[in-house]
Protein backbone atom coordinates (compact mmCIF):
# COMPACT_ATOMS: atom_id res chain seq x y z
CA MET A 1 35.92 61.97 -40.76
CA THR A 2 38.55 60.69 -43.04
CA ASN A 3 38.36 57.39 -44.81
CA LYS A 4 41.33 56.27 -42.85
CA HIS A 5 39.46 56.75 -39.63
CA LYS A 6 35.93 55.30 -41.18
CA HIS A 7 38.10 51.84 -42.28
CA PHE A 8 39.59 52.00 -38.84
CA MET A 9 36.06 52.53 -37.13
CA ALA A 10 34.85 49.63 -39.36
CA LYS A 11 37.48 46.91 -38.45
CA GLU A 12 36.72 48.00 -34.46
CA ASP A 13 32.93 47.88 -35.45
CA GLU A 14 33.69 44.38 -36.46
CA LYS A 15 36.00 43.26 -34.45
CA GLN A 16 33.78 44.22 -31.84
CA LYS A 17 30.70 42.10 -33.64
CA THR A 18 32.76 39.48 -33.61
CA ALA A 19 34.13 39.61 -29.99
CA GLU A 20 30.43 40.00 -28.89
CA ALA A 21 29.53 36.67 -31.58
CA GLU A 22 32.19 34.88 -29.54
CA ASN A 23 31.40 35.77 -26.15
CA PHE A 24 27.63 34.99 -27.42
CA GLU A 25 28.55 31.40 -28.42
CA GLN A 26 30.86 31.07 -25.17
CA GLU A 27 28.33 31.55 -23.14
CA LYS A 28 25.68 29.83 -25.20
CA GLU A 29 28.42 26.82 -24.62
CA GLU A 30 28.68 27.40 -21.16
CA MET A 31 25.08 27.76 -20.78
CA ALA A 32 24.81 24.38 -22.77
CA VAL A 33 27.05 23.00 -20.12
CA SER A 34 25.26 24.50 -17.36
CA GLU A 35 21.80 23.02 -18.59
CA ASN A 36 24.16 19.68 -19.00
CA GLU A 37 25.50 19.73 -14.97
CA ILE A 38 21.84 21.23 -13.98
CA ALA A 39 20.62 17.70 -15.63
CA LYS A 40 23.26 15.69 -13.82
CA LEU A 41 23.10 17.65 -10.70
CA GLN A 42 19.37 17.03 -10.49
CA GLU A 43 19.51 13.38 -11.23
CA GLU A 44 22.31 13.06 -8.75
CA ASN A 45 19.78 15.10 -6.14
CA ALA A 46 17.08 12.37 -7.41
CA LYS A 47 19.33 9.51 -6.35
CA LEU A 48 20.72 10.74 -3.02
CA LYS A 49 17.43 11.39 -1.85
CA ASP A 50 16.13 8.17 -2.77
CA ALA A 51 19.18 7.04 -1.09
CA PHE A 52 18.15 9.44 1.87
CA LEU A 53 14.63 8.06 2.14
CA ARG A 54 15.57 4.29 2.06
CA ALA A 55 18.74 4.67 4.73
CA TYR A 56 15.99 6.95 6.73
CA ALA A 57 12.83 3.95 6.50
CA GLU A 58 15.85 1.62 7.51
CA ALA A 59 16.68 3.59 10.28
CA GLU A 60 13.21 3.22 11.18
CA ASN A 61 12.68 -0.30 11.04
CA VAL A 62 15.96 -1.14 13.50
CA LYS A 63 14.24 1.48 15.39
CA LYS A 64 11.04 -0.25 15.84
CA ARG A 65 12.96 -3.54 16.22
CA CYS A 66 14.58 -2.50 18.80
CA GLN A 67 11.91 -1.30 20.66
CA GLN A 68 10.17 -4.41 20.11
CA GLU A 69 12.95 -6.83 21.23
CA ILE A 70 13.48 -4.05 24.11
CA GLU A 71 9.17 -4.84 25.18
CA LYS A 72 9.96 -8.84 24.78
CA ASN A 73 12.71 -8.76 26.92
CA SER A 74 11.19 -7.12 29.59
CA LYS A 75 8.51 -8.81 29.24
CA TYR A 76 10.02 -12.48 29.41
CA ALA A 77 12.96 -11.40 31.30
CA VAL A 78 12.02 -13.02 34.17
CA ALA A 79 10.52 -16.07 32.88
CA SER A 80 13.69 -18.39 34.03
CA PHE A 81 13.68 -17.46 37.38
CA ALA A 82 9.71 -17.42 37.71
CA LYS A 83 9.88 -21.00 36.07
CA GLU A 84 12.37 -22.04 39.23
CA MET A 85 9.46 -20.43 41.43
CA LEU A 86 7.54 -22.67 40.23
CA SER A 87 8.57 -25.72 42.70
CA VAL A 88 8.00 -23.21 45.11
CA ALA A 89 4.48 -23.38 44.63
CA ASP A 90 4.51 -26.84 44.07
CA ASN A 91 6.16 -27.35 47.49
CA LEU A 92 3.57 -24.81 49.01
CA GLN A 93 0.37 -26.77 47.14
CA ARG A 94 1.47 -29.88 48.39
CA ALA A 95 2.01 -28.68 52.30
CA VAL A 96 -1.24 -27.12 52.36
CA SER A 97 -2.69 -30.52 50.40
CA ALA A 98 -0.41 -32.72 52.93
CA VAL A 99 -2.90 -31.42 55.85
CA ASP A 100 -5.76 -33.68 56.04
CA GLU A 101 -9.19 -32.94 58.15
CA GLU A 102 -8.40 -34.71 60.97
CA HIS A 103 -5.15 -32.96 61.88
CA ARG A 104 -6.20 -29.93 59.94
CA ALA A 105 -7.54 -28.18 63.60
CA GLN A 106 -4.11 -28.89 65.26
CA TYR A 107 -1.84 -27.29 62.23
CA GLN A 108 -4.49 -24.50 61.60
CA ALA A 109 -1.41 -21.55 62.56
CA VAL A 110 1.01 -23.21 60.24
CA LEU A 111 -1.91 -23.97 57.25
CA GLU A 112 -2.82 -20.42 57.23
CA GLY A 113 0.58 -19.23 57.35
CA VAL A 114 1.29 -21.79 54.19
CA GLU A 115 -1.45 -20.44 52.32
CA MET A 116 -0.98 -17.01 53.32
CA THR A 117 2.78 -17.51 51.76
CA GLN A 118 0.84 -19.22 48.68
CA LYS A 119 -1.14 -16.38 48.32
CA GLU A 120 1.51 -13.78 48.49
CA LEU A 121 3.42 -15.84 45.67
CA THR A 122 0.65 -16.06 43.19
CA HIS A 123 0.09 -12.30 43.56
CA VAL A 124 3.54 -11.58 43.08
CA PHE A 125 3.06 -13.93 40.28
CA ALA A 126 0.39 -11.96 38.79
CA LYS A 127 2.23 -8.91 39.29
CA PHE A 128 5.00 -10.28 36.41
CA GLY A 129 2.64 -12.08 33.89
CA VAL A 130 2.90 -15.33 35.68
CA GLN A 131 -0.69 -16.84 35.74
CA LYS A 132 -2.02 -20.73 36.47
CA ILE A 133 -3.56 -22.38 33.85
CA GLU A 134 -6.81 -23.43 34.61
CA CYS A 135 -7.50 -26.69 32.76
CA MET A 136 -9.43 -29.01 35.25
CA GLY A 137 -12.99 -30.30 33.57
CA LYS A 138 -11.50 -28.66 29.88
CA ILE A 139 -10.87 -30.73 27.18
CA PHE A 140 -7.44 -31.60 26.54
CA ASP A 141 -5.20 -28.90 24.19
CA PRO A 142 -1.65 -30.28 23.80
CA ASN A 143 -0.66 -26.49 23.44
CA PHE A 144 -1.17 -26.01 27.13
CA GLU A 145 -0.86 -30.04 28.51
CA ARG A 146 0.82 -33.14 29.16
CA VAL A 147 -1.18 -36.05 29.72
CA VAL A 148 0.74 -38.35 32.20
CA GLN A 149 -2.27 -40.66 32.37
CA GLU A 150 -5.46 -42.05 30.74
CA ILE A 151 -8.44 -43.49 32.67
CA ASP A 152 -11.97 -44.75 31.72
CA ASP A 153 -15.01 -42.55 32.88
CA PRO A 154 -17.86 -43.09 30.71
CA SER A 155 -19.82 -40.28 31.94
CA LYS A 156 -17.31 -37.61 30.58
CA PRO A 157 -16.36 -37.05 27.09
CA GLY A 158 -13.10 -38.73 25.82
CA GLY A 159 -9.62 -36.29 26.18
CA THR A 160 -11.72 -34.44 29.35
CA ILE A 161 -9.33 -33.46 32.34
CA VAL A 162 -10.10 -35.03 35.17
CA SER A 163 -7.30 -34.70 37.29
CA GLU A 164 -4.15 -32.25 37.33
CA LEU A 165 -1.02 -33.69 38.95
CA GLN A 166 1.62 -30.80 37.83
CA ALA A 167 -0.15 -27.47 37.80
CA GLY A 168 0.66 -25.56 34.17
CA TYR A 169 1.66 -21.97 33.88
CA MET A 170 1.77 -19.02 31.31
CA ILE A 171 4.22 -15.91 31.40
CA ASN A 172 1.93 -13.04 29.60
CA ASP A 173 1.27 -14.94 26.16
CA ARG A 174 3.90 -17.63 26.19
CA ILE A 175 3.54 -21.40 27.93
CA LEU A 176 6.23 -21.31 31.05
CA ARG A 177 5.57 -25.14 31.92
CA GLU A 178 2.72 -26.84 30.50
CA ALA A 179 0.28 -28.75 32.97
CA MET A 180 0.28 -32.51 34.14
CA VAL A 181 -2.92 -34.26 33.91
CA ILE A 182 -4.50 -37.03 33.15
CA VAL A 183 -7.51 -37.71 31.22
CA THR A 184 -10.93 -39.76 30.23
CA LYS A 185 -10.48 -42.14 27.33
CA GLY A 186 -13.67 -42.08 26.16
CA GLY A 187 -17.23 -41.46 26.56
CA LYS A 188 -19.76 -39.29 25.28
């Protein structure tokens, strides 16, 4: 091998080493850029994951609220219709009460028909969650009854319901119509 050839080979080795060093530096820079990009992507991924979880939780909450609203609507959908039907129940009760003992035998068939209709209406009310409020003999509760008159009766505690002028009704757990009652003023 000649000196020229050795010199040429040394230069080629040096070029190759320089190229390898440059490649190494470039790869090192690319790796540093990649590590930065990876960190940025991981941060972005974490943000997107958090946003997804929040959106998913909100969607679940909306779904639950909608389900509750649907249940509430179906539970109380008949409320206005039932409230209108209360006058029918009142009139049936008035018809039964209007027949005195003296004429009961004479109107027995009609009375039985009215009572059967009244029972059927009560059954249908119960089917849809409408129930009469039983308040006779109980202490007045402003959430369920409305006082229209007070009377003196020292034999009963004050606020005791002694008469019901109009029946009160509930639909499921809500007041459909409050009862109109007469209560005692004082007493025990």
